[in-house]
Amino acid sequence: MPQLDTSTWFITIISSIITLFILFQLKISTQTFPMAPSPKIFTTQKMKTPWELKWTKIYLPLSSLRQ
């Protein structure tokens, strides 16, 4: 049974890793990514609630009694 020659495996594996790295770098560098979002200024609108639209007065029971 002949012996398996593994002397070229190191160069083959390293060159494959380097080639894959370069290919992935080229693929990633061609991607276009969106710009970072800029803060948007919102204008808040005050909503009128039904009790703000009507004139209401709260009567306290002890406020009218003066002793």
C-alpha atoms as a PDB file:
ATOM      1  CA  MET A   1       0.000   0.000   0.000  1.00  0.00           C
ATOM      2  CA  PRO A   2       1.636   3.280  -1.068  1.00  0.00           C
ATOM      3  CA  GLN A   3       2.184   6.114   1.351  1.00  0.00           C
ATOM      4  CA  LEU A   4       0.008   9.208   0.884  1.00  0.00           C
ATOM      5  CA  ASP A   5       2.082  12.251  -0.040  1.00  0.00           C
ATOM      6  CA  THR A   6       0.958  15.145   2.182  1.00  0.00           C
ATOM      7  CA  SER A   7       3.842  17.516   1.477  1.00  0.00           C
ATOM      8  CA  THR A   8       1.745  19.826  -0.736  1.00  0.00           C
ATOM      9  CA  TRP A   9      -1.317  19.953   1.493  1.00  0.00           C
ATOM     10  CA  PHE A  10      -0.088  22.944   3.488  1.00  0.00           C
ATOM     11  CA  ILE A  11       0.414  25.115   0.404  1.00  0.00           C
ATOM     12  CA  THR A  12      -2.883  23.954  -1.081  1.00  0.00           C
ATOM     13  CA  ILE A  13      -4.884  24.746   2.062  1.00  0.00           C
ATOM     14  CA  ILE A  14      -3.202  28.126   2.648  1.00  0.00           C
ATOM     15  CA  SER A  15      -3.647  29.206  -0.975  1.00  0.00           C
ATOM     16  CA  SER A  16      -7.306  28.145  -0.867  1.00  0.00           C
ATOM     17  CA  ILE A  17      -7.908  30.163   2.297  1.00  0.00           C
ATOM     18  CA  ILE A  18      -6.201  33.231   0.818  1.00  0.00           C
ATOM     19  CA  THR A  19      -8.194  32.895  -2.411  1.00  0.00           C
ATOM     20  CA  LEU A  20     -11.473  32.599  -0.514  1.00  0.00           C
ATOM     21  CA  PHE A  21     -10.568  35.609   1.612  1.00  0.00           C
ATOM     22  CA  ILE A  22      -9.821  37.713  -1.473  1.00  0.00           C
ATOM     23  CA  LEU A  23     -13.027  36.602  -3.192  1.00  0.00           C
ATOM     24  CA  PHE A  24     -15.141  37.449  -0.150  1.00  0.00           C
ATOM     25  CA  GLN A  25     -13.435  40.832   0.184  1.00  0.00           C
ATOM     26  CA  LEU A  26     -14.183  41.628  -3.447  1.00  0.00           C
ATOM     27  CA  LYS A  27     -17.782  40.519  -3.074  1.00  0.00           C
ATOM     28  CA  ILE A  28     -18.306  42.567   0.084  1.00  0.00           C
ATOM     29  CA  SER A  29     -16.597  45.648  -1.374  1.00  0.00           C
ATOM     30  CA  THR A  30     -19.074  45.762  -4.266  1.00  0.00           C
ATOM     31  CA  GLN A  31     -22.054  45.845  -1.914  1.00  0.00           C
ATOM     32  CA  THR A  32     -23.761  49.200  -1.424  1.00  0.00           C
ATOM     33  CA  PHE A  33     -24.932  49.842   2.096  1.00  0.00           C
ATOM     34  CA  PRO A  34     -27.484  52.504   3.055  1.00  0.00           C
ATOM     35  CA  MET A  35     -26.259  55.623   4.763  1.00  0.00           C
ATOM     36  CA  ALA A  36     -26.503  55.942   8.518  1.00  0.00           C
ATOM     37  CA  PRO A  37     -29.925  57.277   9.501  1.00  0.00           C
ATOM     38  CA  SER A  38     -29.978  60.937  10.413  1.00  0.00           C
ATOM     39  CA  PRO A  39     -32.142  62.108  13.297  1.00  0.00           C
ATOM     40  CA  LYS A  40     -35.530  63.323  12.151  1.00  0.00           C
ATOM     41  CA  ILE A  41     -37.192  66.189  13.960  1.00  0.00           C
ATOM     42  CA  PHE A  42     -40.805  65.475  14.735  1.00  0.00           C
ATOM     43  CA  THR A  43     -43.299  68.194  15.526  1.00  0.00           C
ATOM     44  CA  THR A  44     -45.596  67.046  18.267  1.00  0.00           C
ATOM     45  CA  GLN A  45     -49.206  68.049  17.950  1.00  0.00           C
ATOM     46  CA  LYS A  46     -51.199  68.414  21.118  1.00  0.00           C
ATOM     47  CA  MET A  47     -54.375  66.416  20.857  1.00  0.00           C
ATOM     48  CA  LYS A  48     -57.464  67.993  22.321  1.00  0.00           C
ATOM     49  CA  THR A  49     -59.276  65.696  24.663  1.00  0.00           C
ATOM     50  CA  PRO A  50     -63.067  65.978  25.044  1.00  0.00           C
ATOM     51  CA  TRP A  51     -62.820  67.450  28.533  1.00  0.00           C
ATOM     52  CA  GLU A  52     -60.458  70.167  27.323  1.00  0.00           C
ATOM     53  CA  LEU A  53     -62.946  71.319  24.709  1.00  0.00           C
ATOM     54  CA  LYS A  54     -65.691  71.991  27.273  1.00  0.00           C
ATOM     55  CA  TRP A  55     -65.699  74.452  30.119  1.00  0.00           C
ATOM     56  CA  THR A  56     -65.785  72.507  33.328  1.00  0.00           C
ATOM     57  CA  LYS A  57     -65.482  73.580  36.896  1.00  0.00           C
ATOM     58  CA  ILE A  58     -64.777  71.307  39.803  1.00  0.00           C
ATOM     59  CA  TYR A  59     -66.628  72.206  42.958  1.00  0.00           C
ATOM     60  CA  LEU A  60     -64.992  71.192  46.158  1.00  0.00           C
ATOM     61  CA  PRO A  61     -67.550  70.558  48.879  1.00  0.00           C
ATOM     62  CA  LEU A  62     -65.568  72.367  51.570  1.00  0.00           C
ATOM     63  CA  SER A  63     -64.465  75.309  49.444  1.00  0.00           C
ATOM     64  CA  SER A  64     -67.793  77.124  49.648  1.00  0.00           C
ATOM     65  CA  LEU A  65     -68.198  76.679  53.408  1.00  0.00           C
ATOM     66  CA  ARG A  66     -66.529  79.437  55.330  1.00  0.00           C
ATOM     67  CA  GLN A  67     -66.657  79.451  59.052  1.00  0.00           C
END
